Amino acid sequence: MHPCEPRKRFLQSKMYKDKFQNGFFSVLSSLDNSPLESWTYSVRQGHIKRITDSDLQHKDTFIASPGGRRHKSLAITLPYLVILLKNLKKYFTFQVDVLDDAGANRKLRASNFRSTVEVTPDLCHMPLRLELGWNQVTLNLDDLMRRAYGSSYVETTRLQINANCRLRRVYFTDRLYRDEDVPADFKLCPISDKDRASRCDSFVTRAEPKDVEELPFSE
């Protein structure tokens, strides 16, 4: 075995380590041909499917990235996480696993069914307020780490998004941008614009009764 081989395998486990990260860095887009290519998913008593939008909390129905066994970490260093999602007026939660400058792995979880913040050595669980319809959720990961743990953000290692919601895009940025500086495909879909409404593809993660069987997402 070549002496450098273990090191090579370690670097491969860092999913986006060698990718140029600046400006806008997308990890999910509903418009892509294979949106879940770098994600894994778990489906029990529910479904994940591609739909066209026209206009629920379940711990066993979610998507997560990185997917598969090849990568152990996303290795995304950009500090702002943005999620474009539709509020289905059901329980919903998502979680960001991060590494801080102390070498500790922390979990930042946001849920729309919580009303208070709970901080433990491993988990910061926060309330999430969503408006009706489509929302843009932005997290300043460095600020959250500093306020919750007194440490600095290094990188995001994993993302998990649970039922119930519809997703337009998930991406990271290096800073906050003015609306006019954000690329069109990184903005909330203008539902009122009939010319573009047909492009508002999204995913729905939905909890179902036990007697309903659905296949996971497929093209």
N, C-alpha and C. Protein backbone atom coordinates (compact mmCIF):
# COMPACT_ATOMS: atom_id res chain seq x y z
N MET A 1 0.85 -1.20 0.00
CA MET A 1 0.00 0.00 0.00
C MET A 1 0.89 1.24 0.00
N HIS A 2 0.55 2.17 -0.86
CA HIS A 2 1.34 3.40 -0.93
C HIS A 2 1.14 4.19 0.35
N PRO A 3 2.18 4.77 0.93
CA PRO A 3 2.05 5.49 2.21
C PRO A 3 1.10 6.66 2.16
N CYS A 4 0.83 7.21 0.96
CA CYS A 4 -0.06 8.36 0.86
C CYS A 4 -1.52 7.96 0.67
N GLU A 5 -1.77 6.66 0.50
CA GLU A 5 -3.13 6.24 0.18
C GLU A 5 -4.14 6.56 1.27
N PRO A 6 -3.85 6.33 2.57
CA PRO A 6 -4.83 6.71 3.60
C PRO A 6 -5.17 8.19 3.56
N ARG A 7 -4.18 9.02 3.32
CA ARG A 7 -4.42 10.47 3.23
C ARG A 7 -5.33 10.78 2.04
N LYS A 8 -5.13 10.09 0.94
CA LYS A 8 -5.94 10.31 -0.26
C LYS A 8 -7.39 9.96 0.01
N ARG A 9 -7.61 8.86 0.71
CA ARG A 9 -8.98 8.47 1.03
C ARG A 9 -9.63 9.49 1.94
N PHE A 10 -8.85 10.06 2.87
CA PHE A 10 -9.39 11.06 3.78
C PHE A 10 -9.85 12.29 3.02
N LEU A 11 -9.05 12.74 2.05
CA LEU A 11 -9.41 13.92 1.29
C LEU A 11 -10.67 13.68 0.46
N GLN A 12 -10.84 12.46 -0.04
CA GLN A 12 -12.02 12.15 -0.83
C GLN A 12 -13.28 12.21 0.01
N SER A 13 -13.13 12.02 1.34
CA SER A 13 -14.31 12.05 2.20
C SER A 13 -14.83 13.47 2.40
N LYS A 14 -14.05 14.46 2.01
CA LYS A 14 -14.47 15.86 2.09
C LYS A 14 -15.14 16.24 0.77
N MET A 15 -16.44 16.25 0.74
CA MET A 15 -17.19 16.30 -0.51
C MET A 15 -16.86 17.50 -1.39
N TYR A 16 -16.90 18.70 -0.82
CA TYR A 16 -16.68 19.91 -1.61
C TYR A 16 -15.38 20.62 -1.26
N LYS A 17 -14.47 19.91 -0.62
CA LYS A 17 -13.22 20.53 -0.16
C LYS A 17 -12.44 21.16 -1.31
N ASP A 18 -12.38 20.48 -2.45
CA ASP A 18 -11.59 20.95 -3.58
C ASP A 18 -12.40 21.81 -4.56
N LYS A 19 -13.65 22.13 -4.22
CA LYS A 19 -14.47 22.98 -5.07
C LYS A 19 -14.25 24.45 -4.69
N PHE A 20 -14.21 25.31 -5.70
CA PHE A 20 -14.07 26.73 -5.45
C PHE A 20 -15.35 27.25 -4.80
N GLN A 21 -15.23 27.82 -3.60
CA GLN A 21 -16.39 28.27 -2.84
C GLN A 21 -16.32 29.78 -2.67
N ASN A 22 -17.16 30.46 -3.44
CA ASN A 22 -17.21 31.92 -3.35
C ASN A 22 -18.55 32.36 -3.92
N GLY A 23 -19.06 33.48 -3.44
CA GLY A 23 -20.34 33.96 -3.95
C GLY A 23 -21.46 33.02 -3.59
N PHE A 24 -22.07 32.38 -4.58
CA PHE A 24 -23.22 31.50 -4.37
C PHE A 24 -22.80 30.06 -4.67
N PHE A 25 -23.06 29.16 -3.72
CA PHE A 25 -22.68 27.75 -3.88
C PHE A 25 -23.90 26.89 -3.60
N SER A 26 -24.50 26.36 -4.66
CA SER A 26 -25.76 25.61 -4.54
C SER A 26 -25.50 24.14 -4.24
N VAL A 27 -26.28 23.59 -3.31
CA VAL A 27 -26.20 22.15 -3.01
C VAL A 27 -27.47 21.42 -3.38
N LEU A 28 -28.52 22.16 -3.73
CA LEU A 28 -29.76 21.55 -4.22
C LEU A 28 -30.53 22.55 -5.05
N SER A 29 -30.96 22.12 -6.23
CA SER A 29 -31.85 22.92 -7.07
C SER A 29 -32.90 22.00 -7.67
N SER A 30 -34.16 22.37 -7.53
CA SER A 30 -35.25 21.54 -8.06
C SER A 30 -35.29 21.55 -9.57
N LEU A 31 -34.54 22.47 -10.21
CA LEU A 31 -34.52 22.56 -11.67
C LEU A 31 -33.47 21.65 -12.30
N ASP A 32 -32.56 21.09 -11.50
CA ASP A 32 -31.52 20.23 -12.04
C ASP A 32 -32.10 18.91 -12.55
N ASN A 33 -31.38 18.28 -13.46
CA ASN A 33 -31.83 16.99 -13.98
C ASN A 33 -31.80 15.91 -12.92
N SER A 34 -30.80 15.96 -12.05
CA SER A 34 -30.67 14.98 -10.96
C SER A 34 -30.46 15.72 -9.65
N PRO A 35 -31.51 16.33 -9.11
CA PRO A 35 -31.35 17.21 -7.93
C PRO A 35 -30.82 16.50 -6.69
N LEU A 36 -31.12 15.22 -6.53
CA LEU A 36 -30.71 14.51 -5.32
C LEU A 36 -29.48 13.64 -5.52
N GLU A 37 -28.68 13.95 -6.54
CA GLU A 37 -27.52 13.14 -6.86
C GLU A 37 -26.53 13.08 -5.71
N SER A 38 -26.36 14.17 -4.99
CA SER A 38 -25.39 14.21 -3.89
C SER A 38 -26.06 14.09 -2.52
N TRP A 39 -27.32 13.69 -2.50
CA TRP A 39 -28.08 13.54 -1.26
C TRP A 39 -28.46 12.08 -1.05
N THR A 40 -28.66 11.73 0.19
CA THR A 40 -29.28 10.45 0.52
C THR A 40 -30.65 10.73 1.08
N TYR A 41 -31.52 9.73 1.13
CA TYR A 41 -32.85 9.98 1.66
C TYR A 41 -33.36 8.77 2.43
N SER A 42 -34.24 9.05 3.37
CA SER A 42 -34.88 8.02 4.18
C SER A 42 -36.39 8.23 4.10
N VAL A 43 -37.12 7.19 3.75
CA VAL A 43 -38.57 7.31 3.59
C VAL A 43 -39.26 6.19 4.36
N ARG A 44 -40.05 6.57 5.33
CA ARG A 44 -40.88 5.62 6.06
C ARG A 44 -42.25 6.26 6.26
N GLN A 45 -43.27 5.59 5.82
CA GLN A 45 -44.64 6.11 5.96
C GLN A 45 -44.79 7.46 5.27
N GLY A 46 -44.13 7.67 4.17
CA GLY A 46 -44.23 8.95 3.47
C GLY A 46 -43.60 8.87 2.10
N HIS A 47 -43.30 10.02 1.49
CA HIS A 47 -42.68 10.00 0.18
C HIS A 47 -41.90 11.28 -0.09
N ILE A 48 -40.96 11.17 -1.01
CA ILE A 48 -40.22 12.32 -1.53
C ILE A 48 -40.35 12.24 -3.04
N LYS A 49 -40.93 13.24 -3.65
CA LYS A 49 -41.14 13.17 -5.09
C LYS A 49 -41.02 14.54 -5.71
N ARG A 50 -40.84 14.55 -7.03
CA ARG A 50 -40.74 15.80 -7.78
C ARG A 50 -42.14 16.19 -8.25
N ILE A 51 -42.46 17.48 -8.04
CA ILE A 51 -43.77 17.97 -8.43
C ILE A 51 -43.62 19.34 -9.09
N THR A 52 -44.69 19.82 -9.68
CA THR A 52 -44.78 21.21 -10.14
C THR A 52 -45.77 21.93 -9.25
N ASP A 53 -45.32 22.98 -8.58
CA ASP A 53 -46.17 23.66 -7.60
C ASP A 53 -47.19 24.53 -8.30
N SER A 54 -48.42 24.48 -7.87
CA SER A 54 -49.51 25.24 -8.51
C SER A 54 -49.91 26.45 -7.71
N ASP A 55 -49.83 26.87 -7.06
CA ASP A 55 -50.35 28.05 -6.40
C ASP A 55 -49.54 29.24 -6.67
N LEU A 56 -46.05 16.21 7.85
CA LEU A 56 -46.08 17.15 7.38
C LEU A 56 -44.91 17.35 8.28
N GLN A 57 -44.10 17.30 10.33
CA GLN A 57 -42.87 16.83 10.99
C GLN A 57 -42.90 15.32 10.98
N HIS A 58 -41.89 14.72 10.48
CA HIS A 58 -41.77 13.27 10.55
C HIS A 58 -40.30 12.90 10.56
N LYS A 59 -39.83 12.31 11.66
CA LYS A 59 -38.39 12.10 11.84
C LYS A 59 -37.82 11.05 10.89
N ASP A 60 -38.67 10.19 10.32
CA ASP A 60 -38.17 9.11 9.46
C ASP A 60 -38.28 9.44 7.99
N THR A 61 -38.71 10.65 7.63
CA THR A 61 -38.78 11.05 6.23
C THR A 61 -37.92 12.30 6.05
N PHE A 62 -36.79 12.13 5.37
CA PHE A 62 -35.87 13.25 5.22
C PHE A 62 -34.94 13.01 4.05
N ILE A 63 -34.27 14.09 3.64
CA ILE A 63 -33.13 13.99 2.71
C ILE A 63 -31.91 14.52 3.45
N ALA A 64 -30.74 14.00 3.09
CA ALA A 64 -29.52 14.42 3.77
C ALA A 64 -28.37 14.41 2.77
N SER A 65 -27.44 15.34 2.97
CA SER A 65 -26.24 15.41 2.14
C SER A 65 -25.03 15.64 3.04
N PRO A 66 -23.91 14.93 2.82
CA PRO A 66 -23.65 14.09 1.64
C PRO A 66 -24.41 12.77 1.69
N GLY A 67 -24.66 12.23 0.49
CA GLY A 67 -25.34 10.95 0.37
C GLY A 67 -24.34 9.85 0.07
N GLY A 68 -24.68 8.64 0.47
CA GLY A 68 -23.80 7.51 0.22
C GLY A 68 -22.64 7.44 1.18
N ARG A 69 -21.69 6.58 0.89
CA ARG A 69 -20.57 6.34 1.79
C ARG A 69 -19.26 6.97 1.32
N ARG A 70 -19.24 7.53 0.15
CA ARG A 70 -18.00 8.05 -0.40
C ARG A 70 -17.51 9.27 0.35
N HIS A 71 -18.43 10.16 0.73
CA HIS A 71 -18.05 11.40 1.39
C HIS A 71 -18.58 11.42 2.82
N LYS A 72 -17.73 11.86 3.73
CA LYS A 72 -18.13 11.97 5.13
C LYS A 72 -18.48 13.40 5.52
N SER A 73 -18.08 14.36 4.70
CA SER A 73 -18.31 15.77 5.03
C SER A 73 -18.56 16.57 3.77
N LEU A 74 -19.47 17.55 3.86
CA LEU A 74 -19.66 18.48 2.75
C LEU A 74 -18.45 19.39 2.57
N ALA A 75 -17.80 19.74 3.66
CA ALA A 75 -16.62 20.61 3.64
C ALA A 75 -16.92 21.95 2.97
N ILE A 76 -18.08 22.51 3.27
CA ILE A 76 -18.45 23.83 2.75
C ILE A 76 -18.09 24.89 3.79
N THR A 77 -17.25 25.82 3.40
CA THR A 77 -16.75 26.82 4.35
C THR A 77 -17.52 28.14 4.30
N LEU A 78 -18.38 28.33 3.31
CA LEU A 78 -19.17 29.56 3.23
C LEU A 78 -20.11 29.66 4.43
N PRO A 79 -20.21 30.82 5.07
CA PRO A 79 -20.89 30.91 6.37
C PRO A 79 -22.40 31.16 6.34
N TYR A 80 -22.98 31.44 5.18
CA TYR A 80 -24.41 31.72 5.13
C TYR A 80 -25.14 30.59 4.40
N LEU A 81 -26.13 30.02 5.07
CA LEU A 81 -26.97 28.98 4.48
C LEU A 81 -28.32 29.58 4.13
N VAL A 82 -28.78 29.36 2.89
CA VAL A 82 -30.06 29.89 2.43
C VAL A 82 -30.91 28.73 1.92
N ILE A 83 -32.15 28.65 2.40
CA ILE A 83 -33.08 27.62 1.97
C ILE A 83 -34.34 28.30 1.45
N LEU A 84 -34.71 28.02 0.22
CA LEU A 84 -35.96 28.51 -0.36
C LEU A 84 -36.99 27.40 -0.24
N LEU A 85 -38.01 27.61 0.56
CA LEU A 85 -38.97 26.55 0.85
C LEU A 85 -40.38 27.09 0.95
N LYS A 86 -41.33 26.19 0.77
CA LYS A 86 -42.73 26.56 0.91
C LYS A 86 -43.29 26.01 2.21
N ASN A 87 -43.94 26.85 2.97
CA ASN A 87 -44.57 26.46 4.22
C ASN A 87 -45.87 25.71 3.91
N LEU A 88 -45.94 24.45 4.31
CA LEU A 88 -47.14 23.63 4.08
C LEU A 88 -48.06 23.64 5.29
N LYS A 89 -47.75 24.50 6.26
CA LYS A 89 -48.54 24.60 7.49
C LYS A 89 -48.59 23.27 8.24
N LYS A 90 -47.45 22.57 8.19
CA LYS A 90 -47.26 21.31 8.91
C LYS A 90 -45.95 21.40 9.69
N TYR A 91 -45.73 20.45 10.59
CA TYR A 91 -44.48 20.42 11.32
C TYR A 91 -43.31 20.24 10.36
N PHE A 92 -42.24 21.00 10.61
CA PHE A 92 -41.08 20.97 9.72
C PHE A 92 -39.82 21.26 10.52
N THR A 93 -38.72 20.59 10.16
CA THR A 93 -37.44 20.82 10.82
C THR A 93 -36.29 20.56 9.86
N PHE A 94 -35.17 21.23 10.08
CA PHE A 94 -33.95 20.92 9.33
C PHE A 94 -32.76 21.07 10.26
N GLN A 95 -31.67 20.42 9.90
CA GLN A 95 -30.49 20.41 10.76
C GLN A 95 -29.22 20.62 9.95
N VAL A 96 -28.31 21.42 10.50
CA VAL A 96 -27.01 21.68 9.89
C VAL A 96 -25.93 21.19 10.87
N ASP A 97 -25.10 20.27 10.43
CA ASP A 97 -23.98 19.80 11.24
C ASP A 97 -22.75 20.60 10.85
N VAL A 98 -22.08 21.19 11.84
CA VAL A 98 -20.93 22.05 11.55
C VAL A 98 -19.74 21.66 12.41
N LEU A 99 -18.57 22.05 11.94
CA LEU A 99 -17.33 21.89 12.67
C LEU A 99 -16.86 23.28 13.08
N ASP A 100 -16.47 23.43 14.37
CA ASP A 100 -16.00 24.75 14.81
C ASP A 100 -14.49 24.76 14.98
N ASP A 101 -13.95 25.94 15.34
CA ASP A 101 -12.50 26.09 15.41
C ASP A 101 -11.88 25.38 16.61
N ALA A 102 -12.73 24.83 17.50
CA ALA A 102 -12.22 24.04 18.61
C ALA A 102 -12.16 22.56 18.24
N GLY A 103 -12.56 22.24 17.01
CA GLY A 103 -12.56 20.85 16.56
C GLY A 103 -13.79 20.08 16.99
N ALA A 104 -14.79 20.78 17.51
CA ALA A 104 -16.01 20.12 17.97
C ALA A 104 -17.06 20.09 16.87
N ASN A 105 -17.82 19.01 16.83
CA ASN A 105 -18.93 18.89 15.89
C ASN A 105 -20.22 19.30 16.59
N ARG A 106 -20.89 20.29 16.04
CA ARG A 106 -22.13 20.81 16.62
C ARG A 106 -23.28 20.62 15.64
N LYS A 107 -24.48 20.55 16.18
CA LYS A 107 -25.68 20.44 15.36
C LYS A 107 -26.56 21.67 15.60
N LEU A 108 -26.92 22.34 14.51
CA LEU A 108 -27.84 23.48 14.58
C LEU A 108 -29.15 23.03 13.96
N ARG A 109 -30.19 22.98 14.78
CA ARG A 109 -31.49 22.47 14.32
C ARG A 109 -32.55 23.56 14.47
N ALA A 110 -33.36 23.74 13.44
CA ALA A 110 -34.46 24.72 13.46
C ALA A 110 -35.77 24.00 13.20
N SER A 111 -36.78 24.30 14.02
CA SER A 111 -38.08 23.63 13.90
C SER A 111 -39.20 24.65 14.08
N ASN A 112 -40.25 24.51 13.29
CA ASN A 112 -41.36 25.46 13.40
C ASN A 112 -42.33 25.12 14.52
N PHE A 113 -42.07 24.05 15.24
CA PHE A 113 -42.94 23.68 16.35
C PHE A 113 -42.32 24.02 17.71
N ARG A 114 -41.16 24.67 17.69
CA ARG A 114 -40.52 25.09 18.94
C ARG A 114 -40.78 26.57 19.19
N SER A 115 -40.79 26.94 20.46
CA SER A 115 -40.98 28.35 20.83
C SER A 115 -39.80 28.90 21.62
N THR A 116 -38.88 28.03 22.05
CA THR A 116 -37.73 28.47 22.83
C THR A 116 -36.46 27.84 22.27
N VAL A 117 -35.32 28.43 22.65
CA VAL A 117 -34.02 27.92 22.23
C VAL A 117 -33.48 26.99 23.32
N GLU A 118 -32.96 25.84 22.89
CA GLU A 118 -32.32 24.90 23.81
C GLU A 118 -30.91 24.62 23.32
N VAL A 119 -29.93 24.82 24.20
CA VAL A 119 -28.53 24.61 23.83
C VAL A 119 -27.92 23.55 24.74
N THR A 120 -27.40 22.49 24.12
CA THR A 120 -26.65 21.45 24.83
C THR A 120 -25.24 21.44 24.23
N PRO A 121 -24.32 20.68 24.83
CA PRO A 121 -22.96 20.66 24.26
C PRO A 121 -22.89 20.25 22.80
N ASP A 122 -23.85 19.47 22.33
CA ASP A 122 -23.81 18.98 20.94
C ASP A 122 -24.86 19.59 20.04
N LEU A 123 -25.93 20.15 20.61
CA LEU A 123 -27.08 20.58 19.80
C LEU A 123 -27.61 21.93 20.24
N CYS A 124 -27.86 22.78 19.24
CA CYS A 124 -28.58 24.04 19.46
C CYS A 124 -29.89 23.94 18.69
N HIS A 125 -31.00 23.85 19.42
CA HIS A 125 -32.33 23.68 18.80
C HIS A 125 -33.07 25.01 18.89
N MET A 126 -33.44 25.56 17.72
CA MET A 126 -34.00 26.90 17.65
C MET A 126 -35.40 26.88 17.06
N PRO A 127 -36.24 27.85 17.45
CA PRO A 127 -37.56 27.99 16.80
C PRO A 127 -37.40 28.58 15.40
N LEU A 128 -38.29 28.19 14.51
CA LEU A 128 -38.27 28.66 13.13
C LEU A 128 -39.64 29.23 12.80
N ARG A 129 -39.67 30.51 12.47
CA ARG A 129 -40.93 31.16 12.11
C ARG A 129 -41.04 31.24 10.59
N LEU A 130 -42.13 30.73 10.06
CA LEU A 130 -42.35 30.74 8.62
C LEU A 130 -43.63 31.49 8.28
N GLU A 131 -43.56 32.28 7.22
CA GLU A 131 -44.76 32.94 6.72
C GLU A 131 -45.53 31.97 5.83
N LEU A 132 -46.78 32.33 5.51
CA LEU A 132 -47.55 31.50 4.60
C LEU A 132 -46.92 31.52 3.22
N GLY A 133 -46.99 30.41 2.52
CA GLY A 133 -46.45 30.34 1.17
C GLY A 133 -44.93 30.16 1.18
N TRP A 134 -44.26 30.76 0.19
CA TRP A 134 -42.83 30.57 0.01
C TRP A 134 -42.02 31.46 0.95
N ASN A 135 -40.93 30.89 1.46
CA ASN A 135 -40.06 31.58 2.41
C ASN A 135 -38.60 31.45 2.00
N GLN A 136 -37.82 32.46 2.36
CA GLN A 136 -36.37 32.37 2.27
C GLN A 136 -35.82 32.35 3.68
N VAL A 137 -35.22 31.23 4.07
CA VAL A 137 -34.64 31.07 5.39
C VAL A 137 -33.13 31.24 5.26
N THR A 138 -32.56 32.19 5.99
CA THR A 138 -31.12 32.45 5.93
C THR A 138 -30.52 32.29 7.32
N LEU A 139 -29.47 31.48 7.42
CA LEU A 139 -28.77 31.29 8.68
C LEU A 139 -27.35 31.82 8.55
N ASN A 140 -26.96 32.66 9.51
CA ASN A 140 -25.57 33.10 9.63
C ASN A 140 -24.89 32.10 10.57
N LEU A 141 -24.25 31.11 9.99
CA LEU A 141 -23.71 30.01 10.78
C LEU A 141 -22.60 30.45 11.73
N ASP A 142 -21.78 31.37 11.29
CA ASP A 142 -20.71 31.85 12.16
C ASP A 142 -21.26 32.58 13.37
N ASP A 143 -22.29 33.40 13.15
CA ASP A 143 -22.90 34.14 14.25
C ASP A 143 -23.60 33.19 15.22
N LEU A 144 -24.28 32.18 14.69
CA LEU A 144 -24.96 31.21 15.55
C LEU A 144 -23.96 30.43 16.41
N MET A 145 -22.84 30.04 15.82
CA MET A 145 -21.83 29.31 16.58
C MET A 145 -21.23 30.18 17.68
N ARG A 146 -21.02 31.44 17.36
CA ARG A 146 -20.42 32.35 18.34
C ARG A 146 -21.37 32.58 19.51
N ARG A 147 -22.66 32.77 19.20
CA ARG A 147 -23.63 33.04 20.26
C ARG A 147 -23.96 31.80 21.08
N ALA A 148 -24.01 30.64 20.43
CA ALA A 148 -24.40 29.41 21.14
C ALA A 148 -23.23 28.77 21.88
N TYR A 149 -22.02 28.82 21.29
CA TYR A 149 -20.90 28.07 21.85
C TYR A 149 -19.63 28.90 22.08
N GLY A 150 -19.65 30.17 21.69
CA GLY A 150 -18.47 30.99 21.87
C GLY A 150 -17.31 30.56 20.99
N SER A 151 -17.60 29.89 19.89
CA SER A 151 -16.56 29.43 18.97
C SER A 151 -16.83 29.95 17.57
N SER A 152 -15.92 29.69 16.65
CA SER A 152 -16.06 30.18 15.28
C SER A 152 -16.39 29.03 14.33
N TYR A 153 -17.17 29.34 13.34
CA TYR A 153 -17.57 28.38 12.30
C TYR A 153 -16.38 28.06 11.40
N VAL A 154 -16.17 26.79 11.10
CA VAL A 154 -15.13 26.35 10.18
C VAL A 154 -15.74 25.83 8.88
N GLU A 155 -16.65 24.85 8.99
CA GLU A 155 -17.27 24.30 7.80
C GLU A 155 -18.55 23.55 8.14
N THR A 156 -19.41 23.41 7.13
CA THR A 156 -20.60 22.58 7.25
C THR A 156 -20.25 21.17 6.81
N THR A 157 -20.58 20.19 7.64
CA THR A 157 -20.24 18.81 7.33
C THR A 157 -21.44 18.02 6.80
N ARG A 158 -22.67 18.42 7.16
CA ARG A 158 -23.84 17.65 6.76
C ARG A 158 -25.09 18.53 6.83
N LEU A 159 -26.04 18.24 5.95
CA LEU A 159 -27.35 18.89 5.95
C LEU A 159 -28.43 17.83 5.97
N GLN A 160 -29.46 18.03 6.77
CA GLN A 160 -30.61 17.14 6.77
C GLN A 160 -31.89 17.97 6.79
N ILE A 161 -32.80 17.67 5.87
CA ILE A 161 -34.07 18.40 5.77
C ILE A 161 -35.19 17.39 5.89
N ASN A 162 -36.01 17.56 6.93
CA ASN A 162 -37.09 16.63 7.20
C ASN A 162 -38.41 17.11 6.61
N ALA A 163 -39.35 16.18 6.51
CA ALA A 163 -40.72 16.54 6.18
C ALA A 163 -41.23 17.48 7.28
N ASN A 164 -42.07 18.47 6.93
CA ASN A 164 -42.82 18.55 5.69
C ASN A 164 -42.57 19.90 5.03
N CYS A 165 -42.15 19.93 3.78
CA CYS A 165 -41.94 21.19 3.09
C CYS A 165 -41.81 20.94 1.59
N ARG A 166 -41.77 22.02 0.83
CA ARG A 166 -41.42 21.98 -0.58
C ARG A 166 -40.18 22.83 -0.76
N LEU A 167 -39.20 22.29 -1.48
CA LEU A 167 -37.91 22.96 -1.63
C LEU A 167 -37.74 23.50 -3.04
N ARG A 168 -37.25 24.73 -3.11
CA ARG A 168 -36.90 25.34 -4.39
C ARG A 168 -35.40 25.24 -4.62
N ARG A 169 -34.61 25.68 -3.64
CA ARG A 169 -33.14 25.61 -3.73
C ARG A 169 -32.55 25.70 -2.34
N VAL A 170 -31.38 25.07 -2.19
CA VAL A 170 -30.58 25.16 -0.96
C VAL A 170 -29.17 25.57 -1.39
N TYR A 171 -28.65 26.66 -0.82
CA TYR A 171 -27.33 27.10 -1.23
C TYR A 171 -26.62 27.85 -0.10
N PHE A 172 -25.30 28.05 -0.30
CA PHE A 172 -24.48 28.79 0.65
C PHE A 172 -23.93 30.04 -0.04
N THR A 173 -23.66 31.08 0.74
CA THR A 173 -23.04 32.28 0.21
C THR A 173 -21.92 32.74 1.15
N ASP A 174 -21.03 33.55 0.60
CA ASP A 174 -19.93 34.08 1.41
C ASP A 174 -20.35 35.29 2.23
N ARG A 175 -21.44 35.95 1.84
CA ARG A 175 -21.94 37.11 2.56
C ARG A 175 -23.40 37.35 2.17
N LEU A 176 -24.02 38.31 2.81
CA LEU A 176 -25.38 38.69 2.44
C LEU A 176 -25.35 39.59 1.21
N TYR A 177 -26.22 39.33 0.26
CA TYR A 177 -26.27 40.09 -0.98
C TYR A 177 -27.56 40.89 -1.09
N ARG A 178 -27.48 42.04 -1.73
CA ARG A 178 -28.69 42.79 -2.05
C ARG A 178 -29.50 41.99 -3.05
N ASP A 179 -30.81 42.17 -3.01
CA ASP A 179 -31.69 41.38 -3.87
C ASP A 179 -31.32 41.52 -5.34
N GLU A 180 -30.95 42.71 -5.76
CA GLU A 180 -30.62 42.93 -7.17
C GLU A 180 -29.32 42.24 -7.59
N ASP A 181 -28.49 41.83 -6.61
CA ASP A 181 -27.24 41.15 -6.92
C ASP A 181 -27.36 39.62 -6.88
N VAL A 182 -28.54 39.13 -6.52
CA VAL A 182 -28.75 37.68 -6.43
C VAL A 182 -29.18 37.14 -7.79
N PRO A 183 -28.54 36.09 -8.32
CA PRO A 183 -28.96 35.51 -9.60
C PRO A 183 -30.43 35.09 -9.57
N ALA A 184 -31.09 35.19 -10.69
CA ALA A 184 -32.53 34.93 -10.76
C ALA A 184 -32.90 33.55 -10.23
N ASP A 185 -32.10 32.54 -10.55
CA ASP A 185 -32.42 31.18 -10.13
C ASP A 185 -32.16 30.93 -8.66
N PHE A 186 -31.57 31.92 -7.96
CA PHE A 186 -31.33 31.80 -6.53
C PHE A 186 -32.34 32.61 -5.71
N LYS A 187 -33.33 33.15 -6.40
CA LYS A 187 -34.37 33.91 -5.71
C LYS A 187 -35.61 33.06 -5.55
N LEU A 188 -36.51 33.53 -4.69
CA LEU A 188 -37.81 32.87 -4.58
C LEU A 188 -38.53 32.95 -5.91
N CYS A 189 -39.15 31.85 -6.31
CA CYS A 189 -39.84 31.81 -7.60
C CYS A 189 -41.01 32.78 -7.59
N PRO A 190 -41.11 33.66 -8.58
CA PRO A 190 -42.24 34.60 -8.66
C PRO A 190 -43.52 33.88 -9.06
N ILE A 191 -44.21 33.35 -8.09
CA ILE A 191 -45.40 32.55 -8.36
C ILE A 191 -46.43 33.32 -9.16
N SER A 192 -46.51 34.64 -8.96
CA SER A 192 -47.52 35.43 -9.64
C SER A 192 -47.22 35.63 -11.12
N ASP A 193 -46.01 35.35 -11.54
CA ASP A 193 -45.61 35.52 -12.92
C ASP A 193 -45.96 34.26 -13.70
N LYS A 194 -46.99 34.31 -14.53
CA LYS A 194 -47.46 33.12 -15.23
C LYS A 194 -46.41 32.59 -16.20
N ASP A 195 -45.53 33.45 -16.69
CA ASP A 195 -44.53 33.01 -17.65
C ASP A 195 -43.50 32.10 -17.01
N ARG A 196 -43.29 32.26 -15.70
CA ARG A 196 -42.26 31.47 -15.04
C ARG A 196 -42.84 30.48 -14.05
N ALA A 197 -44.14 30.54 -13.81
CA ALA A 197 -44.74 29.68 -12.80
C ALA A 197 -44.54 28.21 -13.13
N SER A 198 -44.50 27.89 -14.41
CA SER A 198 -44.34 26.49 -14.81
C SER A 198 -42.96 25.95 -14.45
N ARG A 199 -41.99 26.86 -14.16
CA ARG A 199 -40.65 26.43 -13.81
C ARG A 199 -40.48 26.22 -12.32
N CYS A 200 -41.54 26.42 -11.56
CA CYS A 200 -41.43 26.33 -10.11
C CYS A 200 -41.49 24.87 -9.66
N ASP A 201 -40.58 24.06 -10.17
CA ASP A 201 -40.49 22.68 -9.72
C ASP A 201 -39.99 22.68 -8.29
N SER A 202 -40.44 21.72 -7.51
CA SER A 202 -39.99 21.62 -6.13
C SER A 202 -40.12 20.18 -5.68
N PHE A 203 -39.62 19.93 -4.49
CA PHE A 203 -39.77 18.62 -3.88
C PHE A 203 -40.79 18.75 -2.76
N VAL A 204 -41.53 17.68 -2.52
CA VAL A 204 -42.40 17.65 -1.36
C VAL A 204 -41.97 16.46 -0.52
N THR A 205 -41.72 16.70 0.77
CA THR A 205 -41.44 15.64 1.71
C THR A 205 -42.64 15.57 2.64
N ARG A 206 -43.31 14.45 2.62
CA ARG A 206 -44.62 14.41 3.26
C ARG A 206 -44.81 13.13 4.06
N ALA A 207 -45.33 13.27 5.28
CA ALA A 207 -45.64 12.11 6.10
C ALA A 207 -46.99 11.56 5.70
N GLU A 208 -47.09 10.25 5.61
CA GLU A 208 -48.32 9.59 5.17
C GLU A 208 -48.76 8.55 6.18
N PRO A 209 -50.06 8.15 6.15
CA PRO A 209 -50.51 7.04 6.99
C PRO A 209 -49.75 5.76 6.67
N LYS A 210 -49.73 4.82 7.60
CA LYS A 210 -48.97 3.60 7.44
C LYS A 210 -49.43 2.76 6.27
N ASP A 211 -50.69 2.83 5.90
CA ASP A 211 -51.20 1.95 4.86
C ASP A 211 -50.96 2.50 3.46
N VAL A 212 -50.30 3.64 3.34
CA VAL A 212 -50.00 4.22 2.04
C VAL A 212 -48.52 4.01 1.74
N GLU A 213 -48.23 3.36 0.64
CA GLU A 213 -46.84 3.11 0.26
C GLU A 213 -46.49 3.96 -0.95
N GLU A 214 -45.39 4.71 -0.85
CA GLU A 214 -44.95 5.57 -1.95
C GLU A 214 -43.49 5.27 -2.25
N LEU A 215 -43.12 5.37 -3.48
CA LEU A 215 -41.74 5.20 -3.88
C LEU A 215 -40.98 6.48 -3.60
N PRO A 216 -39.67 6.38 -3.27
CA PRO A 216 -38.87 7.59 -3.10
C PRO A 216 -38.72 8.30 -4.42
N PHE A 217 -38.12 9.51 -4.36
CA PHE A 217 -37.93 10.33 -5.55
C PHE A 217 -37.25 9.55 -6.66
N SER A 218 -37.74 9.72 -7.88
CA SER A 218 -37.09 9.15 -9.05
C SER A 218 -37.43 10.01 -10.23
N GLU A 219 -36.53 10.03 -11.20
CA GLU A 219 -36.76 10.83 -12.39
C GLU A 219 -37.89 10.20 -13.23
